[in-house]
């Protein structure tokens, strides 16, 4: 079943997410991940973090495979190493209609847990590294537009204000 992705300024997007505890692992988490993966695919995204569906849990799913048939989940992720930097245009399922160049590390190492609670260590570069950073930002209450240049942030302020007004029922 596909889930709703409430757009900015949804409250969960600006909150820091909590770690999942040992008792949080189990069938309900697996079901949540399955629904998140389906939602990611239906929304044509390459990643989806739990806050994007209104859940402030340190959890994200991703699939950067060319065939879009190799989904993964990372629980309680932390970036432990970064290397290089690159600027590339990004968008976000939670901020539709907005894109911009974001400077991020070209390589990252992420530590976290799999769905069974076992420790994992992921080394990524290129698109995967960018996706990991983008999704972990969501877990920290940070949106990609917060990472735009100061000049670009001024330009997108109007777009964000319009989204805020629409959320409040205004025009």
N, C-alpha and C. Protein backbone atom coordinates (compact mmCIF):
# COMPACT_ATOMS: atom_id res chain seq x y z
N UNK A 1 0.85 -1.18 0.00
CA UNK A 1 0.00 0.00 0.00
C UNK A 1 0.89 1.24 0.00
N UNK A 2 0.57 2.17 -0.86
CA UNK A 2 1.33 3.42 -0.96
C UNK A 2 0.93 4.37 0.17
N UNK A 3 1.89 5.14 0.62
CA UNK A 3 1.65 6.08 1.72
C UNK A 3 1.62 7.51 1.20
N UNK A 4 1.03 8.38 1.96
CA UNK A 4 0.97 9.80 1.64
C UNK A 4 2.30 10.47 2.00
N UNK A 5 2.78 11.37 1.14
CA UNK A 5 3.97 12.17 1.43
C UNK A 5 3.49 13.60 1.64
N UNK A 6 3.24 13.99 2.90
CA UNK A 6 2.79 15.36 3.14
C UNK A 6 3.87 16.36 2.72
N UNK A 7 3.51 17.37 1.93
CA UNK A 7 4.52 18.31 1.46
C UNK A 7 4.94 19.31 2.54
N UNK A 8 6.08 19.96 2.29
CA UNK A 8 6.48 21.09 3.11
C UNK A 8 5.30 22.01 3.24
N UNK A 9 4.99 22.55 4.40
CA UNK A 9 5.73 22.60 5.66
C UNK A 9 5.31 21.57 6.70
N UNK A 10 5.06 20.34 6.29
CA UNK A 10 4.66 19.29 7.24
C UNK A 10 5.59 19.29 8.45
N UNK A 11 4.98 19.23 9.61
CA UNK A 11 5.71 19.37 10.89
C UNK A 11 6.87 18.38 11.04
N UNK A 12 6.66 17.14 10.62
CA UNK A 12 7.68 16.10 10.81
C UNK A 12 8.97 16.40 10.05
N UNK A 13 8.88 17.22 8.98
CA UNK A 13 10.06 17.51 8.16
C UNK A 13 11.10 18.36 8.88
N UNK A 14 10.70 19.06 9.92
CA UNK A 14 11.61 19.95 10.63
C UNK A 14 12.00 19.45 12.02
N UNK A 15 11.63 18.22 12.34
CA UNK A 15 11.97 17.64 13.65
C UNK A 15 13.12 16.65 13.50
N UNK A 16 13.94 16.56 14.53
CA UNK A 16 14.98 15.54 14.56
C UNK A 16 14.33 14.20 14.90
N UNK A 17 14.70 13.17 14.18
CA UNK A 17 14.08 11.86 14.36
C UNK A 17 14.78 11.06 15.46
N UNK A 18 14.03 10.19 16.08
CA UNK A 18 14.57 9.37 17.18
C UNK A 18 15.12 8.06 16.64
N UNK A 19 16.14 7.57 17.33
CA UNK A 19 16.69 6.24 17.01
C UNK A 19 15.64 5.17 17.27
N UNK A 20 15.70 4.11 16.51
CA UNK A 20 14.86 2.96 16.79
C UNK A 20 15.55 2.11 17.84
N UNK A 21 14.79 1.67 18.83
CA UNK A 21 15.31 0.84 19.92
C UNK A 21 15.17 -0.63 19.53
N UNK A 22 15.85 -1.52 20.25
CA UNK A 22 15.75 -2.96 19.92
C UNK A 22 14.31 -3.46 19.83
N UNK A 23 13.44 -2.95 20.68
CA UNK A 23 12.04 -3.42 20.64
C UNK A 23 11.26 -2.90 19.43
N UNK A 24 11.83 -1.94 18.70
CA UNK A 24 11.18 -1.41 17.50
C UNK A 24 11.38 -2.30 16.27
N UNK A 25 12.33 -3.25 16.35
CA UNK A 25 12.60 -4.15 15.24
C UNK A 25 11.61 -5.30 15.26
N UNK A 26 11.13 -5.68 14.09
CA UNK A 26 10.18 -6.78 14.01
C UNK A 26 9.26 -6.62 12.80
N UNK A 27 8.17 -7.38 12.79
CA UNK A 27 7.27 -7.40 11.63
C UNK A 27 6.69 -6.02 11.26
N UNK A 28 6.37 -5.20 12.27
CA UNK A 28 5.80 -3.88 11.98
C UNK A 28 6.81 -2.99 11.25
N UNK A 29 8.07 -3.08 11.62
CA UNK A 29 9.11 -2.30 10.94
C UNK A 29 9.28 -2.79 9.51
N UNK A 30 9.28 -4.10 9.31
CA UNK A 30 9.40 -4.66 7.97
C UNK A 30 8.23 -4.19 7.09
N UNK A 31 7.03 -4.19 7.65
CA UNK A 31 5.85 -3.74 6.91
C UNK A 31 5.97 -2.24 6.57
N UNK A 32 6.43 -1.45 7.52
CA UNK A 32 6.62 -0.01 7.26
C UNK A 32 7.61 0.19 6.12
N UNK A 33 8.71 -0.54 6.14
CA UNK A 33 9.73 -0.41 5.10
C UNK A 33 9.14 -0.81 3.75
N UNK A 34 8.38 -1.90 3.71
CA UNK A 34 7.77 -2.33 2.44
C UNK A 34 6.87 -1.24 1.87
N UNK A 35 6.09 -0.60 2.74
CA UNK A 35 5.20 0.48 2.30
C UNK A 35 6.00 1.70 1.85
N UNK A 36 7.10 1.98 2.55
CA UNK A 36 7.95 3.11 2.15
C UNK A 36 8.58 2.86 0.78
N UNK A 37 9.04 1.63 0.55
CA UNK A 37 9.64 1.30 -0.74
C UNK A 37 8.61 1.46 -1.86
N UNK A 38 7.41 0.95 -1.65
CA UNK A 38 6.37 1.09 -2.66
C UNK A 38 6.07 2.56 -2.92
N UNK A 39 5.98 3.35 -1.87
CA UNK A 39 5.72 4.78 -2.01
C UNK A 39 6.85 5.46 -2.77
N UNK A 40 8.09 5.11 -2.46
CA UNK A 40 9.25 5.67 -3.16
C UNK A 40 9.15 5.37 -4.65
N UNK A 41 8.87 4.12 -4.99
CA UNK A 41 8.77 3.74 -6.41
C UNK A 41 7.63 4.48 -7.10
N UNK A 42 6.46 4.51 -6.47
CA UNK A 42 5.30 5.17 -7.08
C UNK A 42 5.53 6.67 -7.25
N UNK A 43 6.36 7.25 -6.39
CA UNK A 43 6.66 8.69 -6.47
C UNK A 43 7.86 8.98 -7.35
N UNK A 44 8.46 7.91 -7.90
CA UNK A 44 9.62 8.01 -8.77
C UNK A 44 10.82 8.65 -8.08
N UNK A 45 10.97 8.33 -6.78
CA UNK A 45 12.12 8.80 -6.01
C UNK A 45 13.20 7.73 -5.96
N UNK A 46 14.39 8.14 -5.53
CA UNK A 46 15.48 7.19 -5.33
C UNK A 46 15.74 6.96 -3.85
N UNK A 47 15.06 7.72 -3.01
CA UNK A 47 15.18 7.56 -1.57
C UNK A 47 13.95 8.14 -0.90
N UNK A 48 13.67 7.67 0.31
CA UNK A 48 12.55 8.17 1.10
C UNK A 48 12.87 7.96 2.57
N UNK A 49 12.79 9.04 3.33
CA UNK A 49 13.06 8.98 4.77
C UNK A 49 11.75 8.97 5.54
N UNK A 50 11.75 8.34 6.69
CA UNK A 50 10.54 8.21 7.50
C UNK A 50 9.85 9.55 7.79
N UNK A 51 10.58 10.65 8.07
CA UNK A 51 9.88 11.91 8.31
C UNK A 51 9.04 12.38 7.12
N UNK A 52 9.38 11.93 5.92
CA UNK A 52 8.63 12.33 4.73
C UNK A 52 7.24 11.70 4.70
N UNK A 53 7.01 10.68 5.50
CA UNK A 53 5.69 10.09 5.61
C UNK A 53 5.11 10.37 7.01
N UNK A 54 5.67 11.36 7.69
CA UNK A 54 5.15 11.79 8.97
C UNK A 54 5.63 11.01 10.18
N UNK A 55 6.65 10.18 10.01
CA UNK A 55 7.17 9.37 11.12
C UNK A 55 8.58 9.82 11.46
N UNK A 56 8.79 10.33 12.64
CA UNK A 56 10.13 10.81 13.03
C UNK A 56 10.96 9.68 13.63
N UNK A 57 11.33 8.76 12.75
CA UNK A 57 12.18 7.62 13.07
C UNK A 57 13.43 7.71 12.22
N UNK A 58 14.58 7.29 12.76
CA UNK A 58 15.83 7.30 11.99
C UNK A 58 15.84 6.08 11.08
N UNK A 59 15.20 6.25 9.93
CA UNK A 59 15.01 5.17 8.98
C UNK A 59 14.85 5.77 7.59
N UNK A 60 15.55 5.19 6.60
CA UNK A 60 15.28 5.56 5.22
C UNK A 60 15.43 4.35 4.32
N UNK A 61 14.79 4.45 3.15
CA UNK A 61 14.90 3.43 2.11
C UNK A 61 15.48 4.09 0.88
N UNK A 62 16.10 3.27 0.04
CA UNK A 62 16.69 3.81 -1.19
C UNK A 62 16.82 2.71 -2.23
N UNK A 63 16.92 3.14 -3.48
CA UNK A 63 17.23 2.25 -4.59
C UNK A 63 17.87 3.09 -5.69
N UNK A 64 19.16 2.92 -5.86
CA UNK A 64 19.89 3.66 -6.90
C UNK A 64 20.29 2.74 -8.05
N UNK A 65 19.71 1.53 -8.08
CA UNK A 65 20.04 0.60 -9.16
C UNK A 65 19.44 1.09 -10.48
N UNK A 66 20.12 0.86 -11.59
CA UNK A 66 19.60 1.30 -12.89
C UNK A 66 18.23 0.69 -13.21
N UNK A 67 17.99 -0.54 -12.77
CA UNK A 67 16.73 -1.22 -13.06
C UNK A 67 15.63 -0.85 -12.07
N UNK A 68 16.02 -0.15 -10.98
CA UNK A 68 15.07 0.23 -9.93
C UNK A 68 14.37 -1.00 -9.35
N UNK A 69 15.19 -2.00 -9.01
CA UNK A 69 14.63 -3.24 -8.47
C UNK A 69 15.49 -3.80 -7.33
N UNK A 70 16.22 -2.91 -6.64
CA UNK A 70 17.13 -3.36 -5.59
C UNK A 70 17.01 -2.45 -4.37
N UNK A 71 15.84 -2.46 -3.71
CA UNK A 71 15.63 -1.56 -2.57
C UNK A 71 16.37 -2.01 -1.32
N UNK A 72 16.74 -1.02 -0.51
CA UNK A 72 17.42 -1.28 0.76
C UNK A 72 16.86 -0.34 1.81
N UNK A 73 17.00 -0.74 3.06
CA UNK A 73 16.61 0.10 4.19
C UNK A 73 17.81 0.25 5.11
N UNK A 74 17.93 1.43 5.71
CA UNK A 74 18.99 1.68 6.69
C UNK A 74 18.32 2.26 7.93
N UNK A 75 18.60 1.64 9.07
CA UNK A 75 18.03 2.04 10.35
C UNK A 75 19.13 2.69 11.19
N UNK A 76 18.80 3.76 11.85
CA UNK A 76 19.71 4.49 12.73
C UNK A 76 21.03 4.87 12.04
N UNK A 77 20.94 5.43 10.82
CA UNK A 77 22.17 5.75 10.07
C UNK A 77 22.90 6.96 10.63
N UNK A 78 24.22 6.89 10.50
CA UNK A 78 25.11 8.00 10.86
C UNK A 78 26.22 8.04 9.82
N UNK A 79 26.55 9.24 9.34
CA UNK A 79 27.68 9.38 8.44
C UNK A 79 28.93 9.45 9.31
N UNK A 80 29.87 8.54 9.07
CA UNK A 80 31.08 8.48 9.89
C UNK A 80 32.32 8.96 9.13
N UNK A 81 32.22 9.04 7.81
CA UNK A 81 33.33 9.56 6.99
C UNK A 81 32.76 10.26 5.77
N UNK A 82 33.46 11.32 5.35
CA UNK A 82 33.11 12.06 4.14
C UNK A 82 34.38 12.34 3.36
N UNK A 83 34.26 12.41 2.02
CA UNK A 83 35.42 12.74 1.21
C UNK A 83 35.02 13.45 -0.06
N UNK A 84 35.83 14.42 -0.46
CA UNK A 84 35.59 15.17 -1.68
C UNK A 84 34.34 16.01 -1.60
N UNK A 85 34.07 16.75 -2.66
CA UNK A 85 32.81 17.50 -2.72
C UNK A 85 32.44 17.73 -4.17
N UNK A 86 31.14 17.91 -4.37
CA UNK A 86 30.60 18.07 -5.71
C UNK A 86 29.26 18.81 -5.57
N UNK A 87 28.93 19.61 -6.56
CA UNK A 87 27.63 20.28 -6.59
C UNK A 87 26.79 19.64 -7.69
N UNK A 88 25.55 19.36 -7.35
CA UNK A 88 24.64 18.72 -8.30
C UNK A 88 23.22 19.15 -7.98
N UNK A 89 22.39 19.20 -9.01
CA UNK A 89 21.00 19.59 -8.80
C UNK A 89 20.25 18.48 -8.07
N UNK A 90 19.45 18.90 -7.10
CA UNK A 90 18.61 17.98 -6.34
C UNK A 90 17.18 18.49 -6.31
N UNK A 91 16.29 17.57 -6.06
CA UNK A 91 14.90 17.89 -5.79
C UNK A 91 14.49 17.04 -4.60
N UNK A 92 13.22 17.14 -4.22
CA UNK A 92 12.76 16.41 -3.05
C UNK A 92 11.27 16.12 -3.18
N UNK A 93 10.87 14.89 -2.86
CA UNK A 93 9.46 14.53 -2.92
C UNK A 93 8.62 15.36 -1.97
N UNK A 94 9.23 15.90 -0.91
CA UNK A 94 8.50 16.70 0.08
C UNK A 94 8.41 18.18 -0.30
N UNK A 95 9.16 18.59 -1.30
CA UNK A 95 9.14 19.99 -1.74
C UNK A 95 8.95 19.99 -3.27
N UNK A 96 7.77 19.55 -3.73
CA UNK A 96 7.56 19.43 -5.18
C UNK A 96 7.72 20.77 -5.90
N UNK A 97 8.28 20.68 -7.09
CA UNK A 97 8.42 21.87 -7.92
C UNK A 97 9.66 22.68 -7.65
N UNK A 98 10.49 22.27 -6.73
CA UNK A 98 11.69 23.03 -6.38
C UNK A 98 12.92 22.17 -6.62
N UNK A 99 13.90 22.74 -7.30
CA UNK A 99 15.18 22.06 -7.54
C UNK A 99 16.29 23.08 -7.35
N UNK A 100 17.48 22.58 -7.05
CA UNK A 100 18.61 23.48 -6.91
C UNK A 100 19.90 22.72 -6.70
N UNK A 101 21.02 23.41 -6.98
CA UNK A 101 22.34 22.79 -6.82
C UNK A 101 22.73 22.77 -5.35
N UNK A 102 23.14 21.58 -4.91
CA UNK A 102 23.55 21.38 -3.52
C UNK A 102 24.96 20.80 -3.52
N UNK A 103 25.82 21.38 -2.70
CA UNK A 103 27.18 20.88 -2.55
C UNK A 103 27.17 19.81 -1.46
N UNK A 104 27.68 18.62 -1.81
CA UNK A 104 27.73 17.51 -0.87
C UNK A 104 29.04 16.75 -1.06
N UNK A 105 29.35 15.91 -0.09
CA UNK A 105 30.53 15.04 -0.20
C UNK A 105 30.32 14.05 -1.36
N UNK A 106 31.40 13.75 -2.06
CA UNK A 106 31.33 12.78 -3.17
C UNK A 106 31.33 11.34 -2.67
N UNK A 107 31.96 11.13 -1.51
CA UNK A 107 32.02 9.80 -0.91
C UNK A 107 31.62 9.89 0.55
N UNK A 108 30.90 8.88 1.01
CA UNK A 108 30.55 8.81 2.43
C UNK A 108 30.62 7.37 2.91
N UNK A 109 30.81 7.22 4.19
CA UNK A 109 30.67 5.94 4.86
C UNK A 109 29.57 6.12 5.89
N UNK A 110 28.58 5.24 5.81
CA UNK A 110 27.43 5.31 6.71
C UNK A 110 27.41 4.04 7.55
N UNK A 111 27.21 4.21 8.84
CA UNK A 111 27.01 3.07 9.73
C UNK A 111 25.59 3.13 10.26
N UNK A 112 25.00 1.96 10.42
CA UNK A 112 23.64 1.87 10.92
C UNK A 112 23.30 0.42 11.18
N UNK A 113 22.02 0.11 10.99
CA UNK A 113 21.55 -1.26 11.21
C UNK A 113 20.66 -1.69 10.05
N UNK A 114 20.60 -3.00 9.84
CA UNK A 114 19.66 -3.54 8.85
C UNK A 114 18.32 -3.79 9.56
N UNK A 115 17.36 -4.34 8.83
CA UNK A 115 16.03 -4.56 9.41
C UNK A 115 16.00 -5.60 10.51
N UNK A 116 17.07 -6.38 10.61
CA UNK A 116 17.16 -7.35 11.69
C UNK A 116 17.88 -6.80 12.90
N UNK A 117 18.30 -5.55 12.83
CA UNK A 117 19.01 -4.92 13.94
C UNK A 117 20.50 -5.16 13.92
N UNK A 118 20.99 -5.82 12.87
CA UNK A 118 22.42 -6.11 12.77
C UNK A 118 23.18 -4.88 12.26
N UNK A 119 24.40 -4.64 12.76
CA UNK A 119 25.19 -3.50 12.31
C UNK A 119 25.55 -3.62 10.83
N UNK A 120 25.50 -2.50 10.14
CA UNK A 120 25.94 -2.45 8.74
C UNK A 120 26.83 -1.23 8.55
N UNK A 121 27.70 -1.33 7.56
CA UNK A 121 28.60 -0.24 7.19
C UNK A 121 28.55 -0.14 5.67
N UNK A 122 28.13 1.00 5.16
CA UNK A 122 27.97 1.20 3.73
C UNK A 122 28.94 2.26 3.24
N UNK A 123 29.74 1.92 2.23
CA UNK A 123 30.62 2.88 1.60
C UNK A 123 29.98 3.25 0.27
N UNK A 124 29.79 4.55 0.04
CA UNK A 124 29.07 4.98 -1.16
C UNK A 124 29.76 6.17 -1.80
N UNK A 125 29.61 6.26 -3.12
CA UNK A 125 30.08 7.44 -3.83
C UNK A 125 29.06 7.77 -4.91
N UNK A 126 29.19 8.94 -5.50
CA UNK A 126 28.29 9.35 -6.56
C UNK A 126 26.86 9.50 -6.07
N UNK A 127 25.92 8.98 -6.88
CA UNK A 127 24.50 9.13 -6.57
C UNK A 127 24.15 8.52 -5.22
N UNK A 128 24.66 7.35 -4.91
CA UNK A 128 24.33 6.72 -3.62
C UNK A 128 24.78 7.60 -2.46
N UNK A 129 25.98 8.18 -2.54
CA UNK A 129 26.46 9.06 -1.48
C UNK A 129 25.55 10.27 -1.33
N UNK A 130 25.11 10.83 -2.45
CA UNK A 130 24.22 11.99 -2.42
C UNK A 130 22.88 11.62 -1.79
N UNK A 131 22.33 10.46 -2.18
CA UNK A 131 21.06 10.01 -1.62
C UNK A 131 21.19 9.80 -0.11
N UNK A 132 22.25 9.15 0.33
CA UNK A 132 22.44 8.93 1.77
C UNK A 132 22.46 10.25 2.52
N UNK A 133 23.20 11.23 2.02
CA UNK A 133 23.29 12.53 2.70
C UNK A 133 21.94 13.24 2.71
N UNK A 134 21.23 13.20 1.59
CA UNK A 134 19.92 13.84 1.49
C UNK A 134 18.94 13.22 2.50
N UNK A 135 18.90 11.89 2.54
CA UNK A 135 17.95 11.21 3.43
C UNK A 135 18.33 11.38 4.90
N UNK A 136 19.61 11.34 5.22
CA UNK A 136 20.03 11.54 6.61
C UNK A 136 19.74 12.98 7.03
N UNK A 137 19.87 13.94 6.11
CA UNK A 137 19.44 15.31 6.42
C UNK A 137 17.98 15.31 6.87
N UNK A 138 17.11 14.58 6.17
CA UNK A 138 15.70 14.51 6.58
C UNK A 138 15.57 14.03 8.02
N UNK A 139 16.40 13.07 8.41
CA UNK A 139 16.32 12.52 9.77
C UNK A 139 16.76 13.55 10.81
N UNK A 140 17.50 14.56 10.35
CA UNK A 140 17.96 15.63 11.24
C UNK A 140 17.10 16.89 11.13
N UNK A 141 16.00 16.82 10.37
CA UNK A 141 15.12 17.97 10.22
C UNK A 141 15.63 19.02 9.23
N UNK A 142 16.51 18.60 8.32
CA UNK A 142 17.12 19.51 7.35
C UNK A 142 16.59 19.15 5.95
N UNK A 143 16.22 20.18 5.18
CA UNK A 143 15.77 19.98 3.80
C UNK A 143 16.87 20.41 2.84
N UNK A 144 16.85 19.86 1.63
CA UNK A 144 17.90 20.19 0.66
C UNK A 144 17.95 21.69 0.39
N UNK A 145 16.80 22.36 0.44
CA UNK A 145 16.79 23.81 0.17
C UNK A 145 17.54 24.59 1.25
N UNK A 146 17.72 24.01 2.43
CA UNK A 146 18.52 24.65 3.48
C UNK A 146 20.00 24.66 3.10
N UNK A 147 20.39 23.80 2.18
CA UNK A 147 21.79 23.67 1.79
C UNK A 147 22.11 24.41 0.49
N UNK A 148 21.12 25.12 -0.06
CA UNK A 148 21.37 25.92 -1.26
C UNK A 148 22.22 27.12 -0.90
N UNK A 149 22.83 27.74 -1.88
CA UNK A 149 23.61 28.96 -1.64
C UNK A 149 22.68 30.03 -1.08
N UNK A 150 23.26 31.01 -0.39
CA UNK A 150 22.45 32.09 0.21
C UNK A 150 21.61 32.79 -0.84
N UNK A 151 22.20 33.06 -2.00
CA UNK A 151 21.47 33.75 -3.08
C UNK A 151 20.30 32.90 -3.55
N UNK A 152 20.52 31.61 -3.73
CA UNK A 152 19.46 30.73 -4.20
C UNK A 152 18.37 30.58 -3.14
N UNK A 153 18.75 30.55 -1.84
CA UNK A 153 17.74 30.45 -0.78
C UNK A 153 16.81 31.65 -0.82
N UNK A 154 17.35 32.83 -1.12
CA UNK A 154 16.50 34.02 -1.25
C UNK A 154 15.51 33.85 -2.39
N UNK A 155 15.97 33.26 -3.49
CA UNK A 155 15.10 33.06 -4.64
C UNK A 155 14.00 32.03 -4.38
N UNK A 156 14.30 31.00 -3.58
CA UNK A 156 13.29 29.96 -3.35
C UNK A 156 12.36 30.30 -2.18
N UNK A 157 12.66 31.35 -1.45
CA UNK A 157 11.82 31.73 -0.31
C UNK A 157 10.35 31.91 -0.73
N UNK A 158 10.13 32.51 -1.90
CA UNK A 158 8.77 32.75 -2.39
C UNK A 158 8.05 31.41 -2.62
N UNK A 159 8.75 30.45 -3.20
CA UNK A 159 8.16 29.12 -3.44
C UNK A 159 7.76 28.46 -2.11
N UNK A 160 8.64 28.52 -1.13
CA UNK A 160 8.36 27.92 0.18
C UNK A 160 7.21 28.64 0.88
N UNK A 161 7.17 29.96 0.76
CA UNK A 161 6.10 30.74 1.38
C UNK A 161 4.76 30.36 0.77
N UNK A 162 4.73 30.17 -0.54
CA UNK A 162 3.50 29.77 -1.23
C UNK A 162 3.04 28.40 -0.71
N UNK A 163 3.98 27.48 -0.51
CA UNK A 163 3.62 26.16 0.02
C UNK A 163 3.08 26.28 1.45
N UNK A 164 3.67 27.16 2.25
CA UNK A 164 3.19 27.38 3.62
C UNK A 164 1.77 27.93 3.59
N UNK A 165 1.52 28.92 2.71
CA UNK A 165 0.20 29.53 2.60
C UNK A 165 -0.84 28.50 2.16
N UNK A 166 -0.48 27.64 1.19
CA UNK A 166 -1.40 26.61 0.72
C UNK A 166 -1.73 25.62 1.84
N UNK A 167 -0.75 25.31 2.66
CA UNK A 167 -0.97 24.39 3.78
C UNK A 167 -1.93 24.97 4.80
N UNK A 168 -1.92 26.31 4.91
CA UNK A 168 -2.81 26.98 5.86
C UNK A 168 -4.16 27.30 5.22
N UNK A 169 -4.33 26.93 3.94
CA UNK A 169 -5.61 27.16 3.27
C UNK A 169 -5.71 28.51 2.60
N UNK A 170 -4.59 29.24 2.54
CA UNK A 170 -4.57 30.55 1.91
C UNK A 170 -4.26 30.46 0.45
N UNK A 171 -4.06 31.56 -0.16
CA UNK A 171 -3.73 31.61 -1.60
C UNK A 171 -2.36 32.16 -1.79
